[in-house]
Amino acid sequence: MISHVRIGPREKESEALQLLRVLWEKVITKMSKFDIGYILQGPSVKIAKGYTTEWSHPSRVLFLATKMGNMRFIIELIRSNPDQIWKRDDKGNTIFHLAVKHRQKNIYKLIYEIGAMKDLITPITNKKGNNMLHMVAKKAKQNQIQNVFGATLEMQRELSWFKEVEKLIPPSYRQRKNKAGETPRDLFAKEEYTCWLQPS
């Protein structure tokens, strides 16, 4: 379980992490779960969609930390409030969806620390019907590859990352189609191979 993950000796932690731990311990002992959830959610932003209005929370602490790869912060949040692994962003993504999408491998590997619960998290789909394997199939944002050799290495890394996540996804979910009618492999082939063919 993540509550038992060791970050390392406390004397080697940064002062910022030590301060975070002290502040967070005060928060969880003095505030209700509702209030803690409100803090983690961040301020809401009004978004106009056609004739309707929706509320979004683009600065949710948990998901920003995931995108940035701040593993120690994520571990501290989950240690004190394990329910955070089930939280979803406005698009229906868990922290593991985002870790896969943003190539934050250290955060993705925390999934191995949650035991049998990983079998319940890996099949989760977001609002577009994408599971974690669909997310890894999407091309990571990056600078344009300068040469064929660099492109080949990048493609090998992406294929390796796809296969690593694929091992964790239950077999019946590996061929599931998203709302666009694409399986993870369809999406990977489209994203990876068309990317290399784009004119510079």
C-alpha atoms as a PDB file:
ATOM      1  CA  MET A   1       0.000   0.000   0.000  1.00  0.00           C
ATOM      2  CA  ILE A   2       1.245   3.507  -0.752  1.00  0.00           C
ATOM      3  CA  SER A   3       1.033   4.436   2.925  1.00  0.00           C
ATOM      4  CA  HIS A   4       4.132   2.258   3.400  1.00  0.00           C
ATOM      5  CA  VAL A   5       6.176   3.672   0.509  1.00  0.00           C
ATOM      6  CA  ARG A   6       9.547   4.905   1.733  1.00  0.00           C
ATOM      7  CA  ILE A   7      10.804   8.090   0.157  1.00  0.00           C
ATOM      8  CA  GLY A   8      14.159   7.868   1.841  1.00  0.00           C
ATOM      9  CA  PRO A   9      15.741   9.071   5.055  1.00  0.00           C
ATOM     10  CA  ARG A  10      14.029  12.153   6.428  1.00  0.00           C
ATOM     11  CA  GLU A  11      17.308  14.022   6.841  1.00  0.00           C
ATOM     12  CA  LYS A  12      17.763  13.908   3.053  1.00  0.00           C
ATOM     13  CA  GLU A  13      14.353  15.417   2.327  1.00  0.00           C
ATOM     14  CA  SER A  14      14.190  18.966   1.137  1.00  0.00           C
ATOM     15  CA  GLU A  15      13.028  21.653   3.525  1.00  0.00           C
ATOM     16  CA  ALA A  16      10.020  22.186   1.254  1.00  0.00           C
ATOM     17  CA  LEU A  17       8.946  18.557   1.662  1.00  0.00           C
ATOM     18  CA  GLN A  18       9.412  18.700   5.424  1.00  0.00           C
ATOM     19  CA  LEU A  19       7.289  21.863   5.534  1.00  0.00           C
ATOM     20  CA  LEU A  20       4.656  20.199   3.350  1.00  0.00           C
ATOM     21  CA  ARG A  21       4.481  17.238   5.733  1.00  0.00           C
ATOM     22  CA  VAL A  22       4.053  19.464   8.812  1.00  0.00           C
ATOM     23  CA  LEU A  23       1.398  21.630   7.149  1.00  0.00           C
ATOM     24  CA  TRP A  24      -0.466  18.669   5.707  1.00  0.00           C
ATOM     25  CA  GLU A  25      -0.547  16.879   9.088  1.00  0.00           C
ATOM     26  CA  LYS A  26      -2.114  20.017  10.590  1.00  0.00           C
ATOM     27  CA  VAL A  27      -4.682  20.189   7.782  1.00  0.00           C
ATOM     28  CA  ILE A  28      -5.796  16.558   8.079  1.00  0.00           C
ATOM     29  CA  THR A  29      -6.105  16.705  11.875  1.00  0.00           C
ATOM     30  CA  LYS A  30      -8.033  20.009  11.986  1.00  0.00           C
ATOM     31  CA  MET A  31     -10.295  19.902   8.908  1.00  0.00           C
ATOM     32  CA  SER A  32     -13.155  17.754   7.683  1.00  0.00           C
ATOM     33  CA  LYS A  33     -12.783  15.503   4.615  1.00  0.00           C
ATOM     34  CA  PHE A  34     -15.144  17.848   2.770  1.00  0.00           C
ATOM     35  CA  ASP A  35     -12.945  20.882   3.485  1.00  0.00           C
ATOM     36  CA  ILE A  36      -9.779  18.975   2.559  1.00  0.00           C
ATOM     37  CA  GLY A  37     -11.418  17.926  -0.709  1.00  0.00           C
ATOM     38  CA  TYR A  38     -12.317  21.568  -1.386  1.00  0.00           C
ATOM     39  CA  ILE A  39      -8.698  22.658  -0.869  1.00  0.00           C
ATOM     40  CA  LEU A  40      -7.353  19.929  -3.152  1.00  0.00           C
ATOM     41  CA  GLN A  41      -9.974  20.657  -5.782  1.00  0.00           C
ATOM     42  CA  GLY A  42      -8.807  24.216  -6.318  1.00  0.00           C
ATOM     43  CA  PRO A  43     -10.906  27.145  -7.500  1.00  0.00           C
ATOM     44  CA  SER A  44     -13.627  26.532 -10.051  1.00  0.00           C
ATOM     45  CA  VAL A  45     -13.636  28.283 -13.425  1.00  0.00           C
ATOM     46  CA  LYS A  46     -16.742  28.988 -15.488  1.00  0.00           C
ATOM     47  CA  ILE A  47     -16.513  27.638 -19.043  1.00  0.00           C
ATOM     48  CA  ALA A  48     -19.074  28.511 -21.721  1.00  0.00           C
ATOM     49  CA  LYS A  49     -19.923  25.570 -24.000  1.00  0.00           C
ATOM     50  CA  GLY A  50     -22.369  26.701 -26.655  1.00  0.00           C
ATOM     51  CA  TYR A  51     -25.547  27.675 -24.837  1.00  0.00           C
ATOM     52  CA  THR A  52     -24.558  25.980 -21.609  1.00  0.00           C
ATOM     53  CA  THR A  53     -22.086  26.736 -18.857  1.00  0.00           C
ATOM     54  CA  GLU A  54     -19.890  24.216 -17.076  1.00  0.00           C
ATOM     55  CA  TRP A  55     -17.641  24.524 -14.060  1.00  0.00           C
ATOM     56  CA  SER A  56     -14.088  23.253 -14.303  1.00  0.00           C
ATOM     57  CA  HIS A  57     -11.274  22.860 -11.758  1.00  0.00           C
ATOM     58  CA  PRO A  58      -8.114  23.230 -13.881  1.00  0.00           C
ATOM     59  CA  SER A  59      -5.770  23.778 -10.955  1.00  0.00           C
ATOM     60  CA  ARG A  60      -6.560  20.712  -8.860  1.00  0.00           C
ATOM     61  CA  VAL A  61      -3.448  20.122  -6.789  1.00  0.00           C
ATOM     62  CA  LEU A  62      -3.366  16.347  -7.190  1.00  0.00           C
ATOM     63  CA  PHE A  63      -3.503  16.439 -10.982  1.00  0.00           C
ATOM     64  CA  LEU A  64      -1.066  19.325 -11.412  1.00  0.00           C
ATOM     65  CA  ALA A  65       1.445  17.490  -9.229  1.00  0.00           C
ATOM     66  CA  THR A  66       0.942  14.348 -11.337  1.00  0.00           C
ATOM     67  CA  LYS A  67       1.491  16.158 -14.654  1.00  0.00           C
ATOM     68  CA  MET A  68       4.658  17.743 -13.281  1.00  0.00           C
ATOM     69  CA  GLY A  69       5.974  14.447 -11.917  1.00  0.00           C
ATOM     70  CA  ASN A  70       6.075  15.575  -8.283  1.00  0.00           C
ATOM     71  CA  MET A  71       6.082  12.057  -6.870  1.00  0.00           C
ATOM     72  CA  ARG A  72       6.966  12.966  -3.284  1.00  0.00           C
ATOM     73  CA  PHE A  73       4.043  15.367  -3.080  1.00  0.00           C
ATOM     74  CA  ILE A  74       1.684  12.733  -4.542  1.00  0.00           C
ATOM     75  CA  ILE A  75       2.905  10.163  -2.005  1.00  0.00           C
ATOM     76  CA  GLU A  76       2.314  12.578   0.884  1.00  0.00           C
ATOM     77  CA  LEU A  77      -1.238  13.278  -0.320  1.00  0.00           C
ATOM     78  CA  ILE A  78      -2.041   9.588  -0.736  1.00  0.00           C
ATOM     79  CA  ARG A  79      -0.455   8.546   2.555  1.00  0.00           C
ATOM     80  CA  SER A  80      -2.742  10.885   4.451  1.00  0.00           C
ATOM     81  CA  ASN A  81      -5.800  10.367   2.249  1.00  0.00           C
ATOM     82  CA  PRO A  82      -5.675   7.070   0.279  1.00  0.00           C
ATOM     83  CA  ASP A  83      -8.993   7.886  -1.441  1.00  0.00           C
ATOM     84  CA  GLN A  84      -7.038  10.264  -3.689  1.00  0.00           C
ATOM     85  CA  ILE A  85      -6.169   7.348  -5.995  1.00  0.00           C
ATOM     86  CA  TRP A  86      -9.859   7.184  -7.012  1.00  0.00           C
ATOM     87  CA  LYS A  87     -10.248  10.910  -7.728  1.00  0.00           C
ATOM     88  CA  ARG A  88     -10.827  11.985 -11.308  1.00  0.00           C
ATOM     89  CA  ASP A  89     -10.141  15.251 -13.085  1.00  0.00           C
ATOM     90  CA  ASP A  90     -12.719  17.136 -15.162  1.00  0.00           C
ATOM     91  CA  LYS A  91     -12.060  14.823 -18.115  1.00  0.00           C
ATOM     92  CA  GLY A  92     -12.501  11.676 -16.038  1.00  0.00           C
ATOM     93  CA  ASN A  93      -8.790  10.829 -15.736  1.00  0.00           C
ATOM     94  CA  THR A  94      -7.232   9.338 -12.612  1.00  0.00           C
ATOM     95  CA  ILE A  95      -3.667  10.206 -11.578  1.00  0.00           C
ATOM     96  CA  PHE A  96      -2.567   7.028 -13.346  1.00  0.00           C
ATOM     97  CA  HIS A  97      -4.196   8.087 -16.641  1.00  0.00           C
ATOM     98  CA  LEU A  98      -2.331  11.394 -16.387  1.00  0.00           C
ATOM     99  CA  ALA A  99       0.946   9.784 -15.362  1.00  0.00           C
ATOM    100  CA  VAL A 100       0.776   7.580 -18.451  1.00  0.00           C
ATOM    101  CA  LYS A 101      -0.210  10.455 -20.743  1.00  0.00           C
ATOM    102  CA  HIS A 102       2.543  12.778 -19.480  1.00  0.00           C
ATOM    103  CA  ARG A 103       5.143   9.976 -19.330  1.00  0.00           C
ATOM    104  CA  GLN A 104       5.605  10.321 -15.566  1.00  0.00           C
ATOM    105  CA  LYS A 105       6.871   6.782 -15.079  1.00  0.00           C
ATOM    106  CA  ASN A 106       7.713   7.114 -11.368  1.00  0.00           C
ATOM    107  CA  ILE A 107       4.155   8.132 -10.563  1.00  0.00           C
ATOM    108  CA  TYR A 108       2.754   5.437 -12.851  1.00  0.00           C
ATOM    109  CA  LYS A 109       4.813   2.824 -10.988  1.00  0.00           C
ATOM    110  CA  LEU A 110       3.003   3.710  -7.745  1.00  0.00           C
ATOM    111  CA  ILE A 111       0.173   1.584  -9.141  1.00  0.00           C
ATOM    112  CA  TYR A 112       2.221  -1.475  -8.186  1.00  0.00           C
ATOM    113  CA  GLU A 113       2.177  -0.299  -4.551  1.00  0.00           C
ATOM    114  CA  ILE A 114      -1.620  -0.352  -4.188  1.00  0.00           C
ATOM    115  CA  GLY A 115      -1.983  -4.124  -4.330  1.00  0.00           C
ATOM    116  CA  ALA A 116      -5.198  -5.669  -5.641  1.00  0.00           C
ATOM    117  CA  MET A 117      -6.806  -2.232  -6.086  1.00  0.00           C
ATOM    118  CA  LYS A 118      -4.763  -1.812  -9.257  1.00  0.00           C
ATOM    119  CA  ASP A 119      -7.075  -4.361 -10.907  1.00  0.00           C
ATOM    120  CA  LEU A 120      -9.977  -1.995 -10.242  1.00  0.00           C
ATOM    121  CA  ILE A 121      -8.151   1.135 -11.411  1.00  0.00           C
ATOM    122  CA  THR A 122      -6.572  -0.093 -14.658  1.00  0.00           C
ATOM    123  CA  PRO A 123      -9.918  -0.679 -16.464  1.00  0.00           C
ATOM    124  CA  ILE A 124     -11.263   2.811 -15.617  1.00  0.00           C
ATOM    125  CA  THR A 125     -12.108   4.878 -18.686  1.00  0.00           C
ATOM    126  CA  ASN A 126     -12.304   8.653 -18.932  1.00  0.00           C
ATOM    127  CA  LYS A 127     -15.160  10.666 -20.476  1.00  0.00           C
ATOM    128  CA  LYS A 128     -13.931   9.861 -23.997  1.00  0.00           C
ATOM    129  CA  GLY A 129     -13.863   6.136 -23.248  1.00  0.00           C
ATOM    130  CA  ASN A 130     -10.056   5.999 -23.087  1.00  0.00           C
ATOM    131  CA  ASN A 131      -8.444   3.571 -20.666  1.00  0.00           C
ATOM    132  CA  MET A 132      -4.802   3.862 -19.585  1.00  0.00           C
ATOM    133  CA  LEU A 133      -3.620   2.016 -22.694  1.00  0.00           C
ATOM    134  CA  HIS A 134      -5.387   4.533 -24.931  1.00  0.00           C
ATOM    135  CA  MET A 135      -3.601   7.282 -23.003  1.00  0.00           C
ATOM    136  CA  VAL A 136      -0.159   5.782 -23.566  1.00  0.00           C
ATOM    137  CA  ALA A 137      -1.007   5.340 -27.253  1.00  0.00           C
ATOM    138  CA  LYS A 138      -1.375   9.108 -27.617  1.00  0.00           C
ATOM    139  CA  LYS A 139       1.807  10.789 -28.735  1.00  0.00           C
ATOM    140  CA  ALA A 140       3.606  12.684 -26.016  1.00  0.00           C
ATOM    141  CA  LYS A 141       4.057  16.385 -26.694  1.00  0.00           C
ATOM    142  CA  GLN A 142       7.639  17.125 -27.543  1.00  0.00           C
ATOM    143  CA  ASN A 143       9.936  19.155 -29.718  1.00  0.00           C
ATOM    144  CA  GLN A 144      10.055  18.109 -33.339  1.00  0.00           C
ATOM    145  CA  ILE A 145      12.504  15.281 -33.958  1.00  0.00           C
ATOM    146  CA  GLN A 146      15.483  16.581 -35.883  1.00  0.00           C
ATOM    147  CA  ASN A 147      16.653  13.439 -37.686  1.00  0.00           C
ATOM    148  CA  VAL A 148      15.674   9.887 -38.582  1.00  0.00           C
ATOM    149  CA  PHE A 149      17.986   8.367 -35.965  1.00  0.00           C
ATOM    150  CA  GLY A 150      16.388  10.465 -33.201  1.00  0.00           C
ATOM    151  CA  ALA A 151      12.920   9.614 -34.500  1.00  0.00           C
ATOM    152  CA  THR A 152      13.723   5.894 -34.452  1.00  0.00           C
ATOM    153  CA  LEU A 153      14.954   6.026 -30.854  1.00  0.00           C
ATOM    154  CA  GLU A 154      11.887   8.003 -29.812  1.00  0.00           C
ATOM    155  CA  MET A 155       9.606   5.500 -31.497  1.00  0.00           C
ATOM    156  CA  GLN A 156      11.350   2.608 -29.719  1.00  0.00           C
ATOM    157  CA  ARG A 157      10.876   4.356 -26.353  1.00  0.00           C
ATOM    158  CA  GLU A 158       7.191   4.940 -27.074  1.00  0.00           C
ATOM    159  CA  LEU A 159       6.684   1.305 -28.109  1.00  0.00           C
ATOM    160  CA  SER A 160       8.454   0.100 -24.955  1.00  0.00           C
ATOM    161  CA  TRP A 161       6.265   2.365 -22.797  1.00  0.00           C
ATOM    162  CA  PHE A 162       3.121   1.090 -24.584  1.00  0.00           C
ATOM    163  CA  LYS A 163       4.111  -2.539 -23.940  1.00  0.00           C
ATOM    164  CA  GLU A 164       4.863  -1.852 -20.261  1.00  0.00           C
ATOM    165  CA  VAL A 165       1.401  -0.395 -19.663  1.00  0.00           C
ATOM    166  CA  GLU A 166      -0.231  -3.076 -21.818  1.00  0.00           C
ATOM    167  CA  LYS A 167       1.044  -5.788 -19.432  1.00  0.00           C
ATOM    168  CA  LEU A 168      -0.873  -4.192 -16.578  1.00  0.00           C
ATOM    169  CA  ILE A 169      -4.188  -3.777 -18.421  1.00  0.00           C
ATOM    170  CA  PRO A 170      -6.576  -6.750 -18.148  1.00  0.00           C
ATOM    171  CA  PRO A 171      -6.573  -8.660 -21.478  1.00  0.00           C
ATOM    172  CA  SER A 172     -10.254  -7.981 -22.172  1.00  0.00           C
ATOM    173  CA  TYR A 173      -9.618  -4.205 -21.956  1.00  0.00           C
ATOM    174  CA  ARG A 174      -6.677  -4.147 -24.361  1.00  0.00           C
ATOM    175  CA  GLN A 175      -9.019  -4.328 -27.353  1.00  0.00           C
ATOM    176  CA  ARG A 176     -11.760  -2.052 -25.984  1.00  0.00           C
ATOM    177  CA  LYS A 177     -12.757   0.803 -28.259  1.00  0.00           C
ATOM    178  CA  ASN A 178     -13.055   4.364 -27.037  1.00  0.00           C
ATOM    179  CA  LYS A 179     -15.953   6.646 -28.042  1.00  0.00           C
ATOM    180  CA  ALA A 180     -14.157   7.401 -31.324  1.00  0.00           C
ATOM    181  CA  GLY A 181     -14.221   3.665 -32.135  1.00  0.00           C
ATOM    182  CA  GLU A 182     -10.462   3.176 -31.720  1.00  0.00           C
ATOM    183  CA  THR A 183      -8.675   0.413 -29.827  1.00  0.00           C
ATOM    184  CA  PRO A 184      -5.434   1.372 -28.053  1.00  0.00           C
ATOM    185  CA  ARG A 185      -3.403  -0.335 -30.799  1.00  0.00           C
ATOM    186  CA  ASP A 186      -5.337   1.535 -33.536  1.00  0.00           C
ATOM    187  CA  LEU A 187      -4.603   4.801 -31.782  1.00  0.00           C
ATOM    188  CA  PHE A 188      -0.944   3.941 -31.216  1.00  0.00           C
ATOM    189  CA  ALA A 189      -0.440   3.053 -34.889  1.00  0.00           C
ATOM    190  CA  LYS A 190      -2.141   6.257 -36.030  1.00  0.00           C
ATOM    191  CA  GLU A 191      -0.339   8.527 -33.567  1.00  0.00           C
ATOM    192  CA  GLU A 192       3.123   7.019 -33.878  1.00  0.00           C
ATOM    193  CA  TYR A 193       3.409   6.327 -37.574  1.00  0.00           C
ATOM    194  CA  THR A 194       1.635   9.402 -38.941  1.00  0.00           C
ATOM    195  CA  CYS A 195       3.727  11.595 -36.628  1.00  0.00           C
ATOM    196  CA  TRP A 196       6.974  10.514 -38.258  1.00  0.00           C
ATOM    197  CA  LEU A 197       5.562  11.164 -41.721  1.00  0.00           C
ATOM    198  CA  GLN A 198       4.593  14.793 -41.056  1.00  0.00           C
ATOM    199  CA  PRO A 199       6.488  17.191 -43.306  1.00  0.00           C
ATOM    200  CA  SER A 200       8.960  19.416 -41.451  1.00  0.00           C
END
